[in-house]
Amino acid sequence: MVQVLLADDQPLVRTGLRTLLELDDDITVVGEAADGAEAVELTRTHRPDVVLMDIRMPLVGGIEATRRIVADPDLSGVRVVALTTYELDEYVFAALRAGACGFLTKDVRPDRLREAVHLVAKGEALLSPAATRAVITGFVDAPPVRRTDEVRLSVLTAREREVVRLVAAGLTNDEIGERLSMSPATARTHVGRAIGKLGVRDRSHLVVVAYETGLARLS
């Protein structure tokens, strides 16, 4: 059973999400929060598998709430998904940087919503790297390469850097394997090692770091 917490300041939205989610016998909504502070409190109480977090809420917003949840070692198993009205929202990138594993628009199809919750609960990144790149392209200028970025990237081998660039370009493990003449399993291993070395939570955040550090370039 996948446990979900809903965080949105609009009761009607929360009711709609609960109704759609609980059509799936393997999903249960364990709590509802009307603002970010309540979302953090209820997350600590219920330890849900997934938090569907509205980005824009009064008092403590969704981005700050995401940051607090991700920073809490006791909540390391909780996955936060940002909810947004528009796909290219200026706050989406900030939510990803704060540690959200992806985002959904509020007009998502009901079947896709339920599928997304299951994927996230299994530890998958909810959005494709290409979608992450679209957000970054829309709202972030290509950063200059800084010494601090080089130090951060120094933990990666040359092959891992190459793999991360391809992840940021939107390639799957199968496509990376074909491009670099390696098996998909080997590509997956390189991705996993890069995630561990850079201290990020998942593949989507790996893409964010690739663009932030200049390892991948906007073009």
Protein backbone atom coordinates (compact mmCIF):
# COMPACT_ATOMS: atom_id res chain seq x y z
CA MET A 1 0.00 0.00 0.00
CA VAL A 2 1.44 3.37 -1.07
CA GLN A 3 0.80 6.09 1.50
CA VAL A 4 0.33 9.62 0.17
CA LEU A 5 0.15 13.02 1.86
CA LEU A 6 -1.59 15.88 0.04
CA ALA A 7 -0.46 19.48 0.51
CA ASP A 8 -2.53 22.18 -1.17
CA ASP A 9 -4.19 25.31 0.19
CA GLN A 10 -7.38 24.65 -1.79
CA PRO A 11 -9.73 22.11 -0.14
CA LEU A 12 -11.40 21.36 -3.48
CA VAL A 13 -8.08 20.39 -5.05
CA ARG A 14 -7.22 18.13 -2.12
CA THR A 15 -10.63 16.46 -2.29
CA GLY A 16 -10.26 15.88 -6.01
CA LEU A 17 -6.78 14.40 -5.64
CA ARG A 18 -7.88 12.14 -2.79
CA THR A 19 -10.87 10.87 -4.78
CA LEU A 20 -8.76 10.12 -7.85
CA LEU A 21 -5.95 8.48 -5.93
CA GLU A 22 -8.14 6.25 -3.80
CA LEU A 23 -9.75 4.73 -6.88
CA ASP A 24 -6.57 2.65 -6.76
CA ASP A 25 -6.88 -0.02 -4.05
CA ASP A 26 -3.11 0.14 -3.52
CA ILE A 27 -3.01 3.86 -2.69
CA THR A 28 -4.22 5.46 0.52
CA VAL A 29 -4.17 9.15 1.49
CA VAL A 30 -2.92 9.42 5.08
CA GLY A 31 -3.27 13.17 5.54
CA GLU A 32 -4.02 16.57 4.06
CA ALA A 33 -2.18 19.84 4.68
CA ALA A 34 -3.29 23.37 3.83
CA ASP A 35 0.17 24.96 3.97
CA GLY A 36 3.84 24.02 3.96
CA ALA A 37 4.33 24.06 7.72
CA GLU A 38 1.45 21.67 8.22
CA ALA A 39 2.81 19.51 5.39
CA VAL A 40 6.15 19.14 7.18
CA GLU A 41 4.44 18.39 10.50
CA LEU A 42 2.14 15.75 9.00
CA THR A 43 5.01 14.21 7.05
CA ARG A 44 6.92 13.73 10.30
CA THR A 45 3.81 12.22 11.88
CA HIS A 46 2.73 9.85 9.10
CA ARG A 47 6.00 9.17 7.22
CA PRO A 48 4.19 8.79 3.86
CA ASP A 49 5.86 7.28 0.83
CA VAL A 50 4.93 10.26 -1.35
CA VAL A 51 4.02 13.89 -0.69
CA LEU A 52 2.15 15.71 -3.44
CA MET A 53 3.23 19.28 -2.68
CA ASP A 54 1.62 22.39 -4.14
CA ILE A 55 4.42 24.83 -4.92
CA ARG A 56 2.50 27.99 -4.09
CA MET A 57 0.90 28.02 -0.64
CA PRO A 58 0.50 30.72 2.03
CA LEU A 59 2.72 31.02 5.10
CA VAL A 60 5.36 28.36 4.45
CA GLY A 61 5.37 27.61 0.73
CA GLY A 62 5.86 24.30 -0.99
CA ILE A 63 9.50 24.92 -1.88
CA GLU A 64 10.53 25.62 1.71
CA ALA A 65 8.46 22.69 2.93
CA THR A 66 10.19 20.43 0.42
CA ARG A 67 13.58 21.69 1.59
CA ARG A 68 12.72 20.92 5.22
CA ILE A 69 11.49 17.42 4.42
CA VAL A 70 14.52 16.57 2.29
CA ALA A 71 16.89 17.92 4.95
CA ASP A 72 15.40 15.74 7.70
CA PRO A 73 17.38 12.45 7.90
CA ASP A 74 14.41 10.77 9.56
CA LEU A 75 12.39 11.41 6.39
CA SER A 76 14.94 10.05 3.92
CA GLY A 77 12.41 7.60 2.51
CA VAL A 78 9.82 10.26 1.72
CA ARG A 79 9.57 11.39 -1.91
CA VAL A 80 8.21 14.84 -2.72
CA VAL A 81 6.45 15.63 -6.00
CA ALA A 82 5.81 19.29 -6.82
CA LEU A 83 2.32 20.21 -8.01
CA THR A 84 2.07 23.15 -10.38
CA THR A 85 -0.56 24.81 -12.53
CA TYR A 86 1.78 25.27 -15.49
CA GLU A 87 4.50 22.90 -16.70
CA LEU A 88 7.00 25.73 -17.26
CA ASP A 89 6.52 27.41 -13.91
CA GLU A 90 9.29 29.64 -12.60
CA TYR A 91 9.08 27.85 -9.25
CA VAL A 92 9.49 24.32 -10.63
CA PHE A 93 13.26 24.59 -10.94
CA ALA A 94 13.48 25.87 -7.36
CA ALA A 95 11.41 22.89 -6.20
CA LEU A 96 13.75 20.49 -8.02
CA ARG A 97 16.75 22.19 -6.45
CA ALA A 98 15.09 21.86 -3.05
CA GLY A 99 14.93 18.10 -3.57
CA ALA A 100 11.62 17.33 -5.26
CA CYS A 101 11.94 14.22 -7.37
CA GLY A 102 9.78 15.65 -10.14
CA PHE A 103 6.61 17.55 -10.82
CA LEU A 104 3.04 17.11 -12.03
CA THR A 105 0.65 19.66 -13.43
CA LYS A 106 -2.74 19.86 -11.76
CA ASP A 107 -4.49 18.91 -15.00
CA VAL A 108 -2.68 15.54 -15.08
CA ARG A 109 -4.81 12.64 -16.30
CA PRO A 110 -6.21 10.52 -13.44
CA ASP A 111 -4.51 7.35 -14.67
CA ARG A 112 -1.21 9.18 -15.04
CA LEU A 113 -1.55 10.59 -11.52
CA ARG A 114 -1.94 7.13 -10.01
CA GLU A 115 0.83 5.70 -12.18
CA ALA A 116 3.15 8.54 -11.14
CA VAL A 117 2.55 7.90 -7.45
CA HIS A 118 3.47 4.24 -7.86
CA LEU A 119 6.61 5.10 -9.83
CA VAL A 120 7.78 7.64 -7.27
CA ALA A 121 7.11 5.25 -4.39
CA LYS A 122 9.43 2.74 -6.10
CA GLY A 123 12.20 5.34 -6.18
CA GLU A 124 11.92 6.38 -9.81
CA ALA A 125 12.37 9.95 -11.00
CA LEU A 126 8.96 11.22 -12.01
CA LEU A 127 9.98 13.42 -14.92
CA SER A 128 12.24 12.69 -17.81
CA PRO A 129 15.60 14.46 -17.95
CA ALA A 130 14.35 16.16 -21.10
CA ALA A 131 11.47 17.68 -19.14
CA THR A 132 13.86 18.88 -16.45
CA ARG A 133 16.02 20.44 -19.14
CA ALA A 134 13.00 22.26 -20.56
CA VAL A 135 12.35 23.85 -17.17
CA ILE A 136 15.98 24.86 -16.79
CA THR A 137 16.15 26.21 -20.34
CA GLY A 138 13.06 28.31 -19.69
CA PHE A 139 14.20 29.91 -16.46
CA VAL A 140 17.95 29.67 -15.95
CA ASP A 141 20.77 31.26 -17.93
CA ALA A 142 23.71 29.03 -18.77
CA PRO A 143 25.97 29.33 -15.71
CA PRO A 144 29.67 30.10 -15.98
CA VAL A 145 32.01 27.31 -14.97
CA ARG A 146 33.33 28.16 -11.50
CA ARG A 147 36.16 26.69 -9.51
CA THR A 148 33.68 25.42 -6.94
CA ASP A 149 31.87 23.54 -9.70
CA GLU A 150 35.09 21.89 -10.83
CA VAL A 151 35.81 20.81 -7.26
CA ARG A 152 32.31 19.37 -6.96
CA LEU A 153 32.68 17.48 -10.23
CA SER A 154 36.18 16.23 -9.43
CA VAL A 155 34.72 13.17 -7.70
CA LEU A 156 33.48 11.88 -11.05
CA THR A 157 35.58 9.81 -13.42
CA ALA A 158 35.82 10.88 -17.05
CA ARG A 159 33.37 8.13 -18.01
CA GLU A 160 30.90 9.18 -15.30
CA ARG A 161 31.03 12.78 -16.53
CA GLU A 162 30.27 11.58 -20.02
CA VAL A 163 27.35 9.52 -18.77
CA VAL A 164 25.94 12.43 -16.74
CA ARG A 165 26.10 14.69 -19.81
CA LEU A 166 24.02 12.14 -21.71
CA VAL A 167 21.55 11.81 -18.83
CA ALA A 168 21.15 15.59 -18.92
CA ALA A 169 20.54 15.40 -22.66
CA GLY A 170 17.55 13.14 -21.97
CA LEU A 171 18.99 9.78 -22.96
CA THR A 172 17.78 6.60 -21.28
CA ASN A 173 20.15 3.94 -19.95
CA ASP A 174 19.57 1.90 -23.11
CA GLU A 175 20.44 4.90 -25.30
CA ILE A 176 23.50 5.75 -23.20
CA GLY A 177 24.69 2.16 -23.50
CA GLU A 178 24.29 2.25 -27.27
CA ARG A 179 26.05 5.61 -27.56
CA LEU A 180 29.00 4.56 -25.39
CA SER A 181 29.17 0.89 -26.45
CA MET A 182 28.27 -0.49 -23.04
CA SER A 183 25.36 -2.49 -21.66
CA PRO A 184 22.33 -0.70 -20.20
CA ALA A 185 23.21 -2.29 -16.85
CA THR A 186 26.67 -0.72 -16.97
CA ALA A 187 25.14 2.63 -17.88
CA ARG A 188 22.78 2.28 -14.93
CA THR A 189 25.74 1.53 -12.67
CA HIS A 190 27.55 4.68 -13.82
CA VAL A 191 24.42 6.75 -13.22
CA GLY A 192 24.02 5.29 -9.75
CA ARG A 193 27.64 5.99 -8.87
CA ALA A 194 27.35 9.58 -10.08
CA ILE A 195 24.22 10.06 -7.97
CA GLY A 196 26.04 8.72 -4.92
CA LYS A 197 29.23 10.71 -5.44
CA LEU A 198 27.41 13.99 -6.02
CA GLY A 199 25.09 13.40 -3.07
CA VAL A 200 21.87 13.88 -5.00
CA ARG A 201 18.62 12.03 -4.44
CA ASP A 202 17.74 10.81 -7.91
CA ARG A 203 18.19 11.06 -11.66
CA SER A 204 16.17 14.26 -12.01
CA HIS A 205 18.33 16.08 -9.46
CA LEU A 206 21.40 14.74 -11.27
CA VAL A 207 20.23 16.61 -14.37
CA VAL A 208 19.78 19.80 -12.35
CA VAL A 209 23.33 19.54 -11.00
CA ALA A 210 24.69 18.89 -14.48
CA TYR A 211 23.28 22.21 -15.69
CA GLU A 212 24.06 24.14 -12.52
CA THR A 213 27.73 23.19 -12.68
CA GLY A 214 28.09 23.69 -16.42
CA LEU A 215 28.83 20.01 -17.04
CA ALA A 216 25.87 20.12 -19.40
CA ARG A 217 25.27 23.29 -21.36
CA LEU A 218 22.05 24.97 -22.47
CA SER A 219 21.88 25.36 -26.21
